Amino acid sequence: MEEKINADLKGADYDKKLIWKTNEGFKVKPYFRQEHLDNLDFLEVLPGEFPYVRSDRKRDNSWLIRQDIIVDDIKSANKKSYWIF
């Protein structure tokens, strides 16, 4: 697979073109294969079991990820722009 990718890049640097870094400094490849998972022993861990990669809750995982926005005046709210382009 790596050989094909390098051929398609036509000499461009693989690390600079395809691998990106998270804010925490982790390097993320553009793909992952089964052999990348073979030695990860925490994949069979259930919620509530160490190392808590699937939460420490055994029950009631009804998480809400959202932000409530209360608007009194729809027209003025629509005029506000929170996105920076």
PDB file of N, CA and C in Angstrom:
ATOM      1  N   MET A   1       0.827  -1.191   0.000  1.00  0.00           N
ATOM      2  CA  MET A   1       0.000   0.000   0.000  1.00  0.00           C
ATOM      3  C   MET A   1       0.867   1.249   0.000  1.00  0.00           C
ATOM      4  N   GLU A   2       1.891   1.292   0.845  1.00  0.00           N
ATOM      5  CA  GLU A   2       2.762   2.468   0.911  1.00  0.00           C
ATOM      6  C   GLU A   2       3.447   2.726  -0.430  1.00  0.00           C
ATOM      7  N   GLU A   3       3.831   1.661  -1.122  1.00  0.00           N
ATOM      8  CA  GLU A   3       4.501   1.821  -2.415  1.00  0.00           C
ATOM      9  C   GLU A   3       3.575   2.507  -3.422  1.00  0.00           C
ATOM     10  N   LYS A   4       2.308   2.110  -3.453  1.00  0.00           N
ATOM     11  CA  LYS A   4       1.338   2.696  -4.367  1.00  0.00           C
ATOM     12  C   LYS A   4       1.097   4.169  -4.031  1.00  0.00           C
ATOM     13  N   ILE A   5       0.984   4.466  -2.755  1.00  0.00           N
ATOM     14  CA  ILE A   5       0.779   5.853  -2.332  1.00  0.00           C
ATOM     15  C   ILE A   5       1.961   6.709  -2.739  1.00  0.00           C
ATOM     16  N   ASN A   6       3.184   6.223  -2.484  1.00  0.00           N
ATOM     17  CA  ASN A   6       4.380   6.979  -2.855  1.00  0.00           C
ATOM     18  C   ASN A   6       4.478   7.178  -4.362  1.00  0.00           C
ATOM     19  N   ALA A   7       4.073   6.179  -5.143  1.00  0.00           N
ATOM     20  CA  ALA A   7       4.066   6.322  -6.599  1.00  0.00           C
ATOM     21  C   ALA A   7       3.068   7.387  -7.028  1.00  0.00           C
ATOM     22  N   ASP A   8       1.886   7.394  -6.410  1.00  0.00           N
ATOM     23  CA  ASP A   8       0.861   8.385  -6.747  1.00  0.00           C
ATOM     24  C   ASP A   8       1.279   9.807  -6.361  1.00  0.00           C
ATOM     25  N   LEU A   9       2.099   9.924  -5.320  1.00  0.00           N
ATOM     26  CA  LEU A   9       2.566  11.242  -4.893  1.00  0.00           C
ATOM     27  C   LEU A   9       3.626  11.818  -5.832  1.00  0.00           C
ATOM     28  N   LYS A  10       4.199  10.984  -6.685  1.00  0.00           N
ATOM     29  CA  LYS A  10       5.181  11.421  -7.698  1.00  0.00           C
ATOM     30  C   LYS A  10       6.311  12.245  -7.089  1.00  0.00           C
ATOM     31  N   GLY A  11       6.892  11.715  -6.020  1.00  0.00           N
ATOM     32  CA  GLY A  11       8.046  12.361  -5.411  1.00  0.00           C
ATOM     33  C   GLY A  11       7.723  13.335  -4.296  1.00  0.00           C
ATOM     34  N   ALA A  12       6.450  13.682  -4.101  1.00  0.00           N
ATOM     35  CA  ALA A  12       6.098  14.592  -3.005  1.00  0.00           C
ATOM     36  C   ALA A  12       6.310  13.888  -1.667  1.00  0.00           C
ATOM     37  N   ASP A  13       6.607  14.645  -0.642  1.00  0.00           N
ATOM     38  CA  ASP A  13       6.875  14.097   0.688  1.00  0.00           C
ATOM     39  C   ASP A  13       5.583  13.556   1.313  1.00  0.00           C
ATOM     40  N   TYR A  14       5.560  12.256   1.597  1.00  0.00           N
ATOM     41  CA  TYR A  14       4.393  11.580   2.186  1.00  0.00           C
ATOM     42  C   TYR A  14       3.969  12.249   3.490  1.00  0.00           C
ATOM     43  N   ASP A  15       4.941  12.495   4.369  1.00  0.00           N
ATOM     44  CA  ASP A  15       4.624  13.076   5.681  1.00  0.00           C
ATOM     45  C   ASP A  15       4.024  14.475   5.555  1.00  0.00           C
ATOM     46  N   LYS A  16       4.535  15.272   4.647  1.00  0.00           N
ATOM     47  CA  LYS A  16       4.043  16.645   4.500  1.00  0.00           C
ATOM     48  C   LYS A  16       2.709  16.710   3.777  1.00  0.00           C
ATOM     49  N   LYS A  17       2.461  15.793   2.852  1.00  0.00           N
ATOM     50  CA  LYS A  17       1.238  15.838   2.048  1.00  0.00           C
ATOM     51  C   LYS A  17       0.054  15.131   2.700  1.00  0.00           C
ATOM     52  N   LEU A  18       0.297  14.021   3.391  1.00  0.00           N
ATOM     53  CA  LEU A  18      -0.813  13.185   3.830  1.00  0.00           C
ATOM     54  C   LEU A  18      -0.986  13.046   5.335  1.00  0.00           C
ATOM     55  N   ILE A  19       0.058  13.237   6.097  1.00  0.00           N
ATOM     56  CA  ILE A  19      -0.049  13.067   7.549  1.00  0.00           C
ATOM     57  C   ILE A  19      -0.287  14.428   8.187  1.00  0.00           C
ATOM     58  N   TRP A  20      -1.317  14.510   9.019  1.00  0.00           N
ATOM     59  CA  TRP A  20      -1.587  15.759   9.721  1.00  0.00           C
ATOM     60  C   TRP A  20      -1.416  15.546  11.213  1.00  0.00           C
ATOM     61  N   LYS A  21      -1.151  16.622  11.912  1.00  0.00           N
ATOM     62  CA  LYS A  21      -0.884  16.578  13.349  1.00  0.00           C
ATOM     63  C   LYS A  21      -2.045  17.208  14.099  1.00  0.00           C
ATOM     64  N   THR A  22      -2.502  16.539  15.159  1.00  0.00           N
ATOM     65  CA  THR A  22      -3.551  17.092  16.007  1.00  0.00           C
ATOM     66  C   THR A  22      -2.958  18.174  16.903  1.00  0.00           C
ATOM     67  N   ASN A  23      -3.814  18.917  17.582  1.00  0.00           N
ATOM     68  CA  ASN A  23      -3.336  19.943  18.515  1.00  0.00           C
ATOM     69  C   ASN A  23      -2.504  19.348  19.640  1.00  0.00           C
ATOM     70  N   GLU A  24      -2.744  18.070  19.935  1.00  0.00           N
ATOM     71  CA  GLU A  24      -1.991  17.398  21.000  1.00  0.00           C
ATOM     72  C   GLU A  24      -0.669  16.843  20.501  1.00  0.00           C
ATOM     73  N   GLY A  25      -0.418  16.930  19.194  1.00  0.00           N
ATOM     74  CA  GLY A  25       0.848  16.466  18.636  1.00  0.00           C
ATOM     75  C   GLY A  25       0.819  15.056  18.072  1.00  0.00           C
ATOM     76  N   PHE A  26      -0.355  14.434  18.007  1.00  0.00           N
ATOM     77  CA  PHE A  26      -0.448  13.093  17.432  1.00  0.00           C
ATOM     78  C   PHE A  26      -0.402  13.179  15.915  1.00  0.00           C
ATOM     79  N   LYS A  27       0.355  12.293  15.289  1.00  0.00           N
ATOM     80  CA  LYS A  27       0.398  12.222  13.829  1.00  0.00           C
ATOM     81  C   LYS A  27      -0.694  11.268  13.356  1.00  0.00           C
ATOM     82  N   VAL A  28      -1.535  11.738  12.441  1.00  0.00           N
ATOM     83  CA  VAL A  28      -2.659  10.949  11.952  1.00  0.00           C
ATOM     84  C   VAL A  28      -2.439  10.603  10.490  1.00  0.00           C
ATOM     85  N   LYS A  29      -2.392   9.300  10.209  1.00  0.00           N
ATOM     86  CA  LYS A  29      -2.242   8.840   8.834  1.00  0.00           C
ATOM     87  C   LYS A  29      -3.577   8.935   8.102  1.00  0.00           C
ATOM     88  N   PRO A  30      -3.539   8.945   6.772  1.00  0.00           N
ATOM     89  CA  PRO A  30      -4.795   9.041   6.023  1.00  0.00           C
ATOM     90  C   PRO A  30      -5.586   7.733   5.988  1.00  0.00           C
ATOM     91  N   TYR A  31      -5.018   6.659   6.494  1.00  0.00           N
ATOM     92  CA  TYR A  31      -5.706   5.373   6.506  1.00  0.00           C
ATOM     93  C   TYR A  31      -5.147   4.515   7.635  1.00  0.00           C
ATOM     94  N   PHE A  32      -5.913   3.519   8.039  1.00  0.00           N
ATOM     95  CA  PHE A  32      -5.452   2.535   9.011  1.00  0.00           C
ATOM     96  C   PHE A  32      -5.890   1.171   8.542  1.00  0.00           C
ATOM     97  N   ARG A  33      -5.094   0.177   8.820  1.00  0.00           N
ATOM     98  CA  ARG A  33      -5.369  -1.191   8.394  1.00  0.00           C
ATOM     99  C   ARG A  33      -5.459  -2.100   9.616  1.00  0.00           C
ATOM    100  N   GLN A  34      -5.893  -3.327   9.404  1.00  0.00           N
ATOM    101  CA  GLN A  34      -6.066  -4.284  10.503  1.00  0.00           C
ATOM    102  C   GLN A  34      -4.787  -4.480  11.303  1.00  0.00           C
ATOM    103  N   GLU A  35      -3.630  -4.518  10.649  1.00  0.00           N
ATOM    104  CA  GLU A  35      -2.381  -4.738  11.395  1.00  0.00           C
ATOM    105  C   GLU A  35      -2.070  -3.602  12.367  1.00  0.00           C
ATOM    106  N   HIS A  36      -2.658  -2.440  12.166  1.00  0.00           N
ATOM    107  CA  HIS A  36      -2.480  -1.351  13.125  1.00  0.00           C
ATOM    108  C   HIS A  36      -3.259  -1.621  14.419  1.00  0.00           C
ATOM    109  N   LEU A  37      -4.258  -2.480  14.357  1.00  0.00           N
ATOM    110  CA  LEU A  37      -5.099  -2.779  15.518  1.00  0.00           C
ATOM    111  C   LEU A  37      -4.696  -4.059  16.249  1.00  0.00           C
ATOM    112  N   ASP A  38      -3.869  -4.886  15.620  1.00  0.00           N
ATOM    113  CA  ASP A  38      -3.572  -6.218  16.156  1.00  0.00           C
ATOM    114  C   ASP A  38      -3.005  -6.215  17.571  1.00  0.00           C
ATOM    115  N   ASN A  39      -2.187  -5.269  17.932  1.00  0.00           N
ATOM    116  CA  ASN A  39      -1.542  -5.280  19.251  1.00  0.00           C
ATOM    117  C   ASN A  39      -2.197  -4.330  20.256  1.00  0.00           C
ATOM    118  N   LEU A  40      -3.384  -3.849  19.950  1.00  0.00           N
ATOM    119  CA  LEU A  40      -4.080  -2.966  20.880  1.00  0.00           C
ATOM    120  C   LEU A  40      -4.984  -3.805  21.775  1.00  0.00           C
ATOM    121  N   ASP A  41      -4.569  -4.009  23.015  1.00  0.00           N
ATOM    122  CA  ASP A  41      -5.293  -4.912  23.904  1.00  0.00           C
ATOM    123  C   ASP A  41      -6.537  -4.278  24.537  1.00  0.00           C
ATOM    124  N   PHE A  42      -6.760  -2.990  24.347  1.00  0.00           N
ATOM    125  CA  PHE A  42      -7.918  -2.354  24.972  1.00  0.00           C
ATOM    126  C   PHE A  42      -9.153  -2.348  24.069  1.00  0.00           C
ATOM    127  N   LEU A  43      -9.098  -2.943  22.903  1.00  0.00           N
ATOM    128  CA  LEU A  43     -10.238  -2.909  21.985  1.00  0.00           C
ATOM    129  C   LEU A  43     -11.425  -3.729  22.480  1.00  0.00           C
ATOM    130  N   GLU A  44     -11.187  -4.702  23.326  1.00  0.00           N
ATOM    131  CA  GLU A  44     -12.264  -5.552  23.838  1.00  0.00           C
ATOM    132  C   GLU A  44     -12.787  -5.092  25.191  1.00  0.00           C
ATOM    133  N   VAL A  45     -12.345  -3.930  25.649  1.00  0.00           N
ATOM    134  CA  VAL A  45     -12.738  -3.414  26.960  1.00  0.00           C
ATOM    135  C   VAL A  45     -14.178  -2.900  26.895  1.00  0.00           C
ATOM    136  N   LEU A  46     -14.949  -3.219  27.914  1.00  0.00           N
ATOM    137  CA  LEU A  46     -16.332  -2.759  28.003  1.00  0.00           C
ATOM    138  C   LEU A  46     -16.414  -1.450  28.785  1.00  0.00           C
ATOM    139  N   PRO A  47     -17.498  -0.708  28.639  1.00  0.00           N
ATOM    140  CA  PRO A  47     -17.660   0.507  29.446  1.00  0.00           C
ATOM    141  C   PRO A  47     -17.575   0.181  30.936  1.00  0.00           C
ATOM    142  N   GLY A  48     -16.888   1.014  31.679  1.00  0.00           N
ATOM    143  CA  GLY A  48     -16.725   0.801  33.112  1.00  0.00           C
ATOM    144  C   GLY A  48     -15.507  -0.025  33.466  1.00  0.00           C
ATOM    145  N   GLU A  49     -14.748  -0.494  32.463  1.00  0.00           N
ATOM    146  CA  GLU A  49     -13.527  -1.259  32.712  1.00  0.00           C
ATOM    147  C   GLU A  49     -12.312  -0.420  32.360  1.00  0.00           C
ATOM    148  N   PHE A  50     -11.273  -0.569  33.150  1.00  0.00           N
ATOM    149  CA  PHE A  50     -10.014   0.122  32.889  1.00  0.00           C
ATOM    150  C   PHE A  50      -9.486  -0.305  31.533  1.00  0.00           C
ATOM    151  N   PRO A  51      -8.944   0.564  30.726  1.00  0.00           N
ATOM    152  CA  PRO A  51      -8.505   1.942  30.886  1.00  0.00           C
ATOM    153  C   PRO A  51      -9.546   2.985  30.511  1.00  0.00           C
ATOM    154  N   TYR A  52     -10.804   2.652  30.573  1.00  0.00           N
ATOM    155  CA  TYR A  52     -11.930   3.577  30.381  1.00  0.00           C
ATOM    156  C   TYR A  52     -11.902   4.285  29.024  1.00  0.00           C
ATOM    157  N   VAL A  53     -11.567   3.549  27.979  1.00  0.00           N
ATOM    158  CA  VAL A  53     -11.590   4.137  26.636  1.00  0.00           C
ATOM    159  C   VAL A  53     -13.009   4.220  26.097  1.00  0.00           C
ATOM    160  N   ARG A  54     -13.947   3.557  26.759  1.00  0.00           N
ATOM    161  CA  ARG A  54     -15.353   3.623  26.372  1.00  0.00           C
ATOM    162  C   ARG A  54     -16.198   4.180  27.508  1.00  0.00           C
ATOM    163  N   SER A  55     -15.643   5.099  28.267  1.00  0.00           N
ATOM    164  CA  SER A  55     -16.303   5.769  29.375  1.00  0.00           C
ATOM    165  C   SER A  55     -16.163   4.954  30.657  1.00  0.00           C
ATOM    166  N   ASP A  56     -16.477   5.587  31.767  1.00  0.00           N
ATOM    167  CA  ASP A  56     -16.458   4.877  33.040  1.00  0.00           C
ATOM    168  C   ASP A  56     -17.874   4.583  33.509  1.00  0.00           C
ATOM    169  N   ARG A  57     -18.842   4.904  32.675  1.00  0.00           N
ATOM    170  CA  ARG A  57     -20.244   4.661  33.021  1.00  0.00           C
ATOM    171  C   ARG A  57     -20.682   3.287  32.528  1.00  0.00           C
ATOM    172  N   LYS A  58     -21.362   2.560  33.395  1.00  0.00           N
ATOM    173  CA  LYS A  58     -21.908   1.268  32.991  1.00  0.00           C
ATOM    174  C   LYS A  58     -23.360   1.408  32.558  1.00  0.00           C
ATOM    175  N   ARG A  59     -24.019   2.421  33.089  1.00  0.00           N
ATOM    176  CA  ARG A  59     -25.423   2.656  32.767  1.00  0.00           C
ATOM    177  C   ARG A  59     -25.621   4.122  32.409  1.00  0.00           C
ATOM    178  N   ASP A  60     -26.731   4.395  31.800  1.00  0.00           N
ATOM    179  CA  ASP A  60     -27.160   5.755  31.502  1.00  0.00           C
ATOM    180  C   ASP A  60     -26.093   6.561  30.758  1.00  0.00           C
ATOM    181  N   ASN A  61     -25.792   6.125  29.544  1.00  0.00           N
ATOM    182  CA  ASN A  61     -24.888   6.890  28.692  1.00  0.00           C
ATOM    183  C   ASN A  61     -25.674   7.835  27.792  1.00  0.00           C
ATOM    184  N   SER A  62     -26.688   8.452  28.331  1.00  0.00           N
ATOM    185  CA  SER A  62     -27.513   9.360  27.547  1.00  0.00           C
ATOM    186  C   SER A  62     -26.909  10.763  27.603  1.00  0.00           C
ATOM    187  N   TRP A  63     -25.759  10.911  26.979  1.00  0.00           N
ATOM    188  CA  TRP A  63     -25.067  12.189  26.983  1.00  0.00           C
ATOM    189  C   TRP A  63     -25.718  13.135  26.006  1.00  0.00           C
ATOM    190  N   LEU A  64     -25.687  14.395  26.335  1.00  0.00           N
ATOM    191  CA  LEU A  64     -26.172  15.431  25.436  1.00  0.00           C
ATOM    192  C   LEU A  64     -24.999  16.351  25.123  1.00  0.00           C
ATOM    193  N   ILE A  65     -24.663  16.440  23.858  1.00  0.00           N
ATOM    194  CA  ILE A  65     -23.599  17.340  23.438  1.00  0.00           C
ATOM    195  C   ILE A  65     -24.262  18.398  22.578  1.00  0.00           C
ATOM    196  N   ARG A  66     -24.501  19.541  23.164  1.00  0.00           N
ATOM    197  CA  ARG A  66     -25.197  20.603  22.451  1.00  0.00           C
ATOM    198  C   ARG A  66     -25.069  21.895  23.232  1.00  0.00           C
ATOM    199  N   GLN A  67     -25.505  22.946  22.601  1.00  0.00           N
ATOM    200  CA  GLN A  67     -25.568  24.237  23.265  1.00  0.00           C
ATOM    201  C   GLN A  67     -26.926  24.828  22.960  1.00  0.00           C
ATOM    202  N   ASP A  68     -27.668  25.167  23.990  1.00  0.00           N
ATOM    203  CA  ASP A  68     -28.967  25.806  23.809  1.00  0.00           C
ATOM    204  C   ASP A  68     -28.755  27.297  23.572  1.00  0.00           C
ATOM    205  N   ILE A  69     -29.416  27.810  22.568  1.00  0.00           N
ATOM    206  CA  ILE A  69     -29.349  29.238  22.264  1.00  0.00           C
ATOM    207  C   ILE A  69     -30.764  29.786  22.330  1.00  0.00           C
ATOM    208  N   ILE A  70     -30.955  30.760  23.190  1.00  0.00           N
ATOM    209  CA  ILE A  70     -32.273  31.373  23.348  1.00  0.00           C
ATOM    210  C   ILE A  70     -32.274  32.685  22.577  1.00  0.00           C
ATOM    211  N   VAL A  71     -33.210  32.813  21.667  1.00  0.00           N
ATOM    212  CA  VAL A  71     -33.282  33.988  20.801  1.00  0.00           C
ATOM    213  C   VAL A  71     -34.624  34.674  21.006  1.00  0.00           C
ATOM    214  N   ASP A  72     -34.557  35.969  21.301  1.00  0.00           N
ATOM    215  CA  ASP A  72     -35.785  36.758  21.438  1.00  0.00           C
ATOM    216  C   ASP A  72     -36.172  37.418  20.118  1.00  0.00           C
ATOM    217  N   ASP A  73     -35.172  37.847  19.354  1.00  0.00           N
ATOM    218  CA  ASP A  73     -35.429  38.546  18.097  1.00  0.00           C
ATOM    219  C   ASP A  73     -34.744  37.784  16.964  1.00  0.00           C
ATOM    220  N   ILE A  74     -35.499  37.065  16.174  1.00  0.00           N
ATOM    221  CA  ILE A  74     -34.957  36.207  15.117  1.00  0.00           C
ATOM    222  C   ILE A  74     -34.193  37.026  14.075  1.00  0.00           C
ATOM    223  N   LYS A  75     -34.720  38.164  13.678  1.00  0.00           N
ATOM    224  CA  LYS A  75     -34.066  38.976  12.646  1.00  0.00           C
ATOM    225  C   LYS A  75     -32.678  39.433  13.097  1.00  0.00           C
ATOM    226  N   SER A  76     -32.546  39.913  14.320  1.00  0.00           N
ATOM    227  CA  SER A  76     -31.228  40.365  14.779  1.00  0.00           C
ATOM    228  C   SER A  76     -30.284  39.184  14.997  1.00  0.00           C
ATOM    229  N   ALA A  77     -30.807  38.047  15.404  1.00  0.00           N
ATOM    230  CA  ALA A  77     -29.973  36.851  15.590  1.00  0.00           C
ATOM    231  C   ALA A  77     -29.426  36.375  14.253  1.00  0.00           C
ATOM    232  N   ASN A  78     -30.235  36.453  13.199  1.00  0.00           N
ATOM    233  CA  ASN A  78     -29.784  36.024  11.877  1.00  0.00           C
ATOM    234  C   ASN A  78     -28.734  36.963  11.300  1.00  0.00           C
ATOM    235  N   LYS A  79     -28.709  38.211  11.740  1.00  0.00           N
ATOM    236  CA  LYS A  79     -27.716  39.171  11.242  1.00  0.00           C
ATOM    237  C   LYS A  79     -26.345  38.947  11.873  1.00  0.00           C
ATOM    238  N   LYS A  80     -26.301  38.339  13.052  1.00  0.00           N
ATOM    239  CA  LYS A  80     -25.036  38.103  13.738  1.00  0.00           C
ATOM    240  C   LYS A  80     -24.303  36.950  13.064  1.00  0.00           C
ATOM    241  N   SER A  81     -23.004  37.124  12.890  1.00  0.00           N
ATOM    242  CA  SER A  81     -22.197  36.073  12.270  1.00  0.00           C
ATOM    243  C   SER A  81     -21.115  35.652  13.261  1.00  0.00           C
ATOM    244  N   TYR A  82     -21.122  34.381  13.624  1.00  0.00           N
ATOM    245  CA  TYR A  82     -20.132  33.871  14.557  1.00  0.00           C
ATOM    246  C   TYR A  82     -19.036  33.115  13.834  1.00  0.00           C
ATOM    247  N   TRP A  83     -19.143  32.949  12.548  1.00  0.00           N
ATOM    248  CA  TRP A  83     -18.156  32.216  11.761  1.00  0.00           C
ATOM    249  C   TRP A  83     -17.161  33.185  11.141  1.00  0.00           C
ATOM    250  N   ILE A  84     -15.923  32.847  11.227  1.00  0.00           N
ATOM    251  CA  ILE A  84     -14.864  33.667  10.618  1.00  0.00           C
ATOM    252  C   ILE A  84     -14.370  32.920   9.387  1.00  0.00           C
ATOM    253  N   PHE A  85     -14.517  33.524   8.265  1.00  0.00           N
ATOM    254  CA  PHE A  85     -14.063  32.886   7.018  1.00  0.00           C
ATOM    255  C   PHE A  85     -12.881  33.606   6.460  1.00  0.00           C
TER     256      PHE A  85
END
